[in-house]
Amino acid sequence: MDWLTDNKVPLGAWINSLVELLNDHAAWFFDLIADVLGFLIVGLIDIMQWMPPLLLVVLFAALAGWLHRSWKLAAGILGSLLLIINLGYWQETTETLALVVFATFVCLAVGVPVGIAAAHRPWLYTAIRPVLDLMQTIPTFVYLIPTLILFGLGVVPGLISTVIFAIPAPIRLTYLGISGVPKPLIEAGESFGATKRQLLWKVELPHAMPTIMAGLTQCIMLSLSMVVIAALVGADGLGKPVVRALNTVNIAKGFEAGLAIVIVAILLDRVCKRRGAGDGG
């Protein structure tokens, strides 16, 4: 067995060389990405924090109540967000919401088209499936190191790491939804002379929409689970007080910040559910 351990495959050295090569020759490109993404996220945070907290809370509650036709949901959102304001975590909550919303938007903008393409081309899904498995199973700290080196300290490496971790969910569920469309339904559309584009928009996507929406909610939950990890590389939000509480063994602060994360997760999950799926009122 000594010959096997003495002749180690230098995978780590190869990856390190690749990251150093990118950092040496494409630093301007990664700096540009960091500047653009940072500007967009900070802009979204500034808009949310510019509005009076109570007004924004009322708008959130009214929008959710209107979307789901549920006064119970609106009342729950109103009370929960008022509790977050009372605990003193409103600023961190808006920062977390901005990060989650932006990460979810990027994941859906990339993941849904890739999932559709994979459903129409089985060879493509066969090719990307190992990559998706790797993205979901590799410890987040592993790819947090190269993103930190390439994009610097701040919210951008946290966003990139969140996208890497969360994007397999919309890709997989979009693939399942599109590939699960019954063949007789597609054949019926073809018999009426529908083109491939018409089949996609009028047959496949409507049938797969519940599964795609499940991918959306999973993406949101996975993004929220990365909040604390993103705080370790300088991203603002509810992860920062959790990390500070961990460093100082502050049970009260850790519980309050953790409760705020749970509240945000539950509210986003309820709001993003399809109307009538578990809503009351």
Protein backbone atom coordinates (compact mmCIF):
# COMPACT_ATOMS: atom_id res chain seq x y z
CA MET A 1 0.00 0.00 0.00
CA ASP A 2 2.99 2.31 0.42
CA TRP A 3 3.35 2.74 -3.34
CA LEU A 4 -0.24 4.01 -3.48
CA THR A 5 0.22 6.65 -0.77
CA ASP A 6 3.72 7.61 -1.94
CA ASN A 7 2.42 8.45 -5.42
CA LYS A 8 -0.33 10.86 -4.47
CA VAL A 9 -2.38 12.41 -7.27
CA PRO A 10 -1.80 16.17 -6.81
CA LEU A 11 -5.45 17.21 -7.18
CA GLY A 12 -5.15 19.92 -4.53
CA ALA A 13 -2.03 21.34 -6.16
CA TRP A 14 -3.75 21.41 -9.56
CA ILE A 15 -6.75 23.31 -8.18
CA ASN A 16 -4.45 25.71 -6.34
CA SER A 17 -2.48 26.36 -9.54
CA LEU A 18 -5.70 26.98 -11.46
CA VAL A 19 -6.95 29.49 -8.88
CA GLU A 20 -3.58 31.25 -8.85
CA LEU A 21 -3.57 31.35 -12.66
CA LEU A 22 -7.04 32.90 -12.71
CA ASN A 23 -6.09 35.37 -10.01
CA ASP A 24 -2.95 36.42 -11.86
CA HIS A 25 -4.36 36.75 -15.38
CA ALA A 26 -8.10 37.42 -14.93
CA ALA A 27 -8.20 39.48 -11.77
CA TRP A 28 -9.74 42.41 -13.70
CA PHE A 29 -12.65 40.16 -14.78
CA PHE A 30 -13.40 38.96 -11.25
CA ASP A 31 -13.04 42.50 -9.91
CA LEU A 32 -15.59 43.65 -12.51
CA ILE A 33 -18.03 40.92 -11.47
CA ALA A 34 -17.50 41.80 -7.81
CA ASP A 35 -18.11 45.50 -8.47
CA VAL A 36 -21.29 44.91 -10.52
CA LEU A 37 -22.80 42.37 -8.13
CA GLY A 38 -21.82 44.42 -5.11
CA PHE A 39 -23.41 47.54 -6.62
CA LEU A 40 -26.68 45.71 -7.37
CA ILE A 41 -26.97 44.07 -3.95
CA VAL A 42 -26.03 47.23 -2.06
CA GLY A 43 -28.53 49.16 -4.18
CA LEU A 44 -31.30 46.72 -3.29
CA ILE A 45 -30.38 46.93 0.38
CA ASP A 46 -30.37 50.73 0.25
CA ILE A 47 -33.85 50.78 -1.30
CA MET A 48 -35.23 48.45 1.37
CA GLN A 49 -33.60 50.42 4.20
CA TRP A 50 -34.61 53.78 2.72
CA MET A 51 -38.27 52.97 3.26
CA PRO A 52 -39.63 53.28 6.82
CA PRO A 53 -39.64 49.81 8.41
CA LEU A 54 -43.31 49.89 9.38
CA LEU A 55 -44.34 50.91 5.85
CA LEU A 56 -42.28 48.10 4.33
CA VAL A 57 -43.75 45.59 6.78
CA VAL A 58 -47.29 46.67 5.89
CA LEU A 59 -46.49 46.43 2.17
CA PHE A 60 -45.06 42.91 2.58
CA ALA A 61 -48.09 41.77 4.55
CA ALA A 62 -50.56 43.37 2.13
CA LEU A 63 -48.83 41.85 -0.90
CA ALA A 64 -48.81 38.37 0.64
CA GLY A 65 -52.46 38.68 1.69
CA TRP A 66 -53.44 39.82 -1.81
CA LEU A 67 -51.47 37.06 -3.56
CA HIS A 68 -52.91 34.28 -1.41
CA ARG A 69 -56.25 35.85 -0.51
CA SER A 70 -55.46 35.03 3.13
CA TRP A 71 -55.84 37.51 5.97
CA LYS A 72 -54.28 34.95 8.32
CA LEU A 73 -51.08 34.90 6.29
CA ALA A 74 -51.00 38.71 6.17
CA ALA A 75 -51.52 38.91 9.93
CA GLY A 76 -48.81 36.32 10.54
CA ILE A 77 -46.31 38.20 8.38
CA LEU A 78 -47.21 41.49 10.06
CA GLY A 79 -46.74 40.09 13.57
CA SER A 80 -43.54 38.21 12.71
CA LEU A 81 -41.82 41.17 11.07
CA LEU A 82 -42.88 43.46 13.93
CA LEU A 83 -41.24 40.96 16.29
CA ILE A 84 -38.00 41.18 14.29
CA ILE A 85 -38.13 44.99 14.51
CA ASN A 86 -38.75 44.72 18.25
CA LEU A 87 -35.70 42.45 18.67
CA GLY A 88 -33.54 44.98 16.83
CA TYR A 89 -32.66 42.92 13.78
CA TRP A 90 -34.51 44.78 11.04
CA GLN A 91 -31.40 46.10 9.29
CA GLU A 92 -29.81 42.64 9.27
CA THR A 93 -33.08 41.15 8.04
CA THR A 94 -33.23 43.49 5.04
CA GLU A 95 -29.61 42.62 4.21
CA THR A 96 -30.40 38.91 4.39
CA LEU A 97 -33.54 39.32 2.29
CA ALA A 98 -31.58 41.19 -0.38
CA LEU A 99 -28.94 38.43 -0.50
CA VAL A 100 -31.55 35.65 -0.66
CA VAL A 101 -33.68 37.42 -3.28
CA PHE A 102 -30.67 38.16 -5.48
CA ALA A 103 -29.25 34.63 -5.13
CA THR A 104 -32.64 33.09 -5.89
CA PHE A 105 -33.07 35.30 -8.96
CA VAL A 106 -29.66 34.24 -10.31
CA CYS A 107 -30.36 30.57 -9.58
CA LEU A 108 -33.71 30.65 -11.39
CA ALA A 109 -32.39 32.73 -14.30
CA VAL A 110 -29.69 30.11 -14.89
CA GLY A 111 -31.23 26.96 -13.45
CA VAL A 112 -34.60 26.92 -15.20
CA PRO A 113 -33.20 27.24 -18.78
CA VAL A 114 -30.52 24.64 -17.99
CA GLY A 115 -33.17 22.28 -16.59
CA ILE A 116 -35.34 22.74 -19.70
CA ALA A 117 -32.37 22.10 -21.98
CA ALA A 118 -31.41 19.00 -19.96
CA ALA A 119 -34.97 17.63 -20.19
CA HIS A 120 -34.94 18.01 -23.97
CA ARG A 121 -31.39 16.62 -24.31
CA PRO A 122 -30.81 13.56 -22.07
CA TRP A 123 -27.09 13.56 -22.84
CA LEU A 124 -26.80 17.02 -21.31
CA TYR A 125 -28.35 15.92 -18.01
CA THR A 126 -26.07 12.87 -17.97
CA ALA A 127 -23.10 15.20 -18.38
CA ILE A 128 -24.09 17.75 -15.71
CA ARG A 129 -25.48 15.33 -13.12
CA PRO A 130 -22.05 14.58 -11.55
CA VAL A 131 -21.37 18.31 -11.39
CA LEU A 132 -24.70 18.91 -9.63
CA ASP A 133 -23.93 16.13 -7.16
CA LEU A 134 -20.55 17.70 -6.45
CA MET A 135 -22.03 21.17 -5.96
CA GLN A 136 -24.56 19.88 -3.42
CA THR A 137 -22.33 17.51 -1.46
CA ILE A 138 -18.92 19.21 -1.27
CA PRO A 139 -18.51 21.14 2.03
CA THR A 140 -19.26 24.80 1.46
CA PHE A 141 -16.02 25.92 3.09
CA VAL A 142 -14.09 24.17 0.31
CA TYR A 143 -15.33 26.45 -2.50
CA LEU A 144 -15.61 29.40 -0.13
CA ILE A 145 -11.79 29.63 -0.15
CA PRO A 146 -11.32 30.12 -3.93
CA THR A 147 -14.31 32.49 -4.16
CA LEU A 148 -12.80 34.56 -1.35
CA ILE A 149 -9.45 34.69 -3.18
CA LEU A 150 -11.00 35.58 -6.54
CA PHE A 151 -13.70 38.04 -5.44
CA GLY A 152 -12.27 39.47 -2.22
CA LEU A 153 -13.89 39.99 1.17
CA GLY A 154 -17.53 41.09 1.23
CA VAL A 155 -20.98 40.09 0.10
CA VAL A 156 -19.98 38.88 -3.39
CA PRO A 157 -18.09 35.69 -2.37
CA GLY A 158 -21.01 34.87 -0.08
CA LEU A 159 -23.42 35.37 -2.98
CA ILE A 160 -21.34 33.23 -5.37
CA SER A 161 -21.05 30.45 -2.79
CA THR A 162 -24.79 30.62 -2.14
CA VAL A 163 -25.56 30.34 -5.85
CA ILE A 164 -23.22 27.36 -6.25
CA PHE A 165 -24.88 25.60 -3.31
CA ALA A 166 -28.50 26.39 -4.25
CA ILE A 167 -28.59 26.23 -8.07
CA PRO A 168 -28.77 22.41 -8.38
CA ALA A 169 -32.28 22.48 -6.86
CA PRO A 170 -34.01 24.50 -9.64
CA ILE A 171 -32.02 22.63 -12.31
CA ARG A 172 -33.05 19.19 -11.01
CA LEU A 173 -36.69 20.05 -10.33
CA THR A 174 -37.13 21.86 -13.65
CA TYR A 175 -35.66 18.80 -15.37
CA LEU A 176 -38.05 16.52 -13.47
CA GLY A 177 -41.04 18.73 -14.23
CA ILE A 178 -40.38 19.04 -17.96
CA SER A 179 -39.36 15.41 -18.45
CA GLY A 180 -42.45 14.30 -16.52
CA VAL A 181 -44.92 15.86 -18.95
CA PRO A 182 -47.12 12.99 -20.28
CA LYS A 183 -46.34 12.03 -23.85
CA PRO A 184 -50.05 11.98 -24.86
CA LEU A 185 -50.24 15.64 -23.81
CA ILE A 186 -47.29 16.53 -26.03
CA GLU A 187 -48.64 14.45 -28.89
CA ALA A 188 -51.98 16.24 -28.59
CA GLY A 189 -50.22 19.59 -28.90
CA GLU A 190 -48.24 18.38 -31.91
CA SER A 191 -51.39 17.10 -33.56
CA PHE A 192 -52.77 20.65 -33.44
CA GLY A 193 -49.64 21.92 -35.21
CA ALA A 194 -47.89 23.45 -32.19
CA THR A 195 -44.24 24.35 -32.69
CA LYS A 196 -41.56 23.39 -30.18
CA ARG A 197 -41.69 26.89 -28.69
CA GLN A 198 -45.49 26.71 -28.36
CA LEU A 199 -45.25 23.26 -26.78
CA LEU A 200 -42.78 24.59 -24.22
CA TRP A 201 -44.80 27.67 -23.23
CA LYS A 202 -48.34 26.30 -23.52
CA VAL A 203 -47.95 22.62 -22.58
CA GLU A 204 -44.70 21.75 -20.83
CA LEU A 205 -44.17 24.77 -18.58
CA PRO A 206 -47.78 24.96 -17.30
CA HIS A 207 -47.72 21.23 -16.49
CA ALA A 208 -44.28 21.47 -14.83
CA MET A 209 -45.00 24.70 -12.93
CA PRO A 210 -45.78 23.04 -9.55
CA THR A 211 -42.44 21.21 -9.67
CA ILE A 212 -40.60 24.36 -10.76
CA MET A 213 -42.20 26.28 -7.86
CA ALA A 214 -40.99 23.54 -5.52
CA GLY A 215 -37.52 24.23 -6.90
CA LEU A 216 -38.03 27.91 -6.10
CA THR A 217 -38.89 27.24 -2.45
CA GLN A 218 -36.00 24.79 -2.10
CA CYS A 219 -33.68 27.39 -3.60
CA ILE A 220 -34.83 29.97 -1.06
CA MET A 221 -34.34 27.58 1.87
CA LEU A 222 -30.89 26.55 0.66
CA SER A 223 -29.93 30.20 0.21
CA LEU A 224 -31.04 31.01 3.75
CA SER A 225 -29.00 28.10 5.07
CA MET A 226 -25.91 29.83 3.65
CA VAL A 227 -26.50 33.10 5.55
CA VAL A 228 -24.14 32.20 8.39
CA ILE A 229 -21.51 30.87 5.97
CA ALA A 230 -21.65 34.10 3.96
CA ALA A 231 -21.11 36.11 7.15
CA LEU A 232 -17.75 34.41 7.62
CA VAL A 233 -16.44 36.10 4.45
CA GLY A 234 -17.77 39.56 5.24
CA ALA A 235 -21.38 39.45 4.01
CA ASP A 236 -23.80 41.47 6.11
CA GLY A 237 -27.07 40.08 7.37
CA LEU A 238 -28.44 37.87 10.12
CA GLY A 239 -25.40 35.61 9.93
CA LYS A 240 -23.16 38.25 11.51
CA PRO A 241 -24.90 38.36 14.91
CA VAL A 242 -24.98 34.55 14.92
CA VAL A 243 -21.21 34.41 14.35
CA ARG A 244 -20.61 37.09 17.00
CA ALA A 245 -22.81 35.21 19.45
CA LEU A 246 -20.85 32.03 18.74
CA ASN A 247 -17.52 33.80 19.31
CA THR A 248 -18.68 35.35 22.59
CA VAL A 249 -20.86 32.39 23.71
CA ASN A 250 -23.81 34.78 23.93
CA ILE A 251 -26.84 32.48 24.16
CA ALA A 252 -29.45 35.26 24.15
CA LYS A 253 -28.06 36.99 21.06
CA GLY A 254 -27.59 33.71 19.22
CA PHE A 255 -31.16 32.60 19.94
CA GLU A 256 -32.66 35.93 18.87
CA ALA A 257 -30.70 36.08 15.60
CA GLY A 258 -31.46 32.41 14.92
CA LEU A 259 -35.16 33.04 15.56
CA ALA A 260 -35.08 35.93 13.06
CA ILE A 261 -33.59 33.59 10.42
CA VAL A 262 -36.29 31.00 11.11
CA ILE A 263 -39.02 33.65 10.82
CA VAL A 264 -37.66 34.85 7.48
CA ALA A 265 -37.44 31.26 6.21
CA ILE A 266 -41.02 30.43 7.21
CA LEU A 267 -42.42 33.65 5.76
CA LEU A 268 -40.65 33.21 2.42
CA ASP A 269 -41.78 29.60 2.25
CA ARG A 270 -45.42 30.54 2.87
CA VAL A 271 -45.38 33.45 0.43
CA CYS A 272 -43.78 31.42 -2.38
CA LYS A 273 -46.19 28.50 -2.08
CA ARG A 274 -48.83 28.18 -4.73
CA ARG A 275 -52.12 29.79 -3.82
CA GLY A 276 -54.36 27.35 -2.03
CA ALA A 277 -51.52 25.02 -0.99
CA GLY A 278 -51.86 25.13 2.74
CA ASP A 279 -53.15 28.70 3.06
CA GLY A 280 -56.11 29.45 5.16
CA GLY A 281 -58.52 32.36 5.54
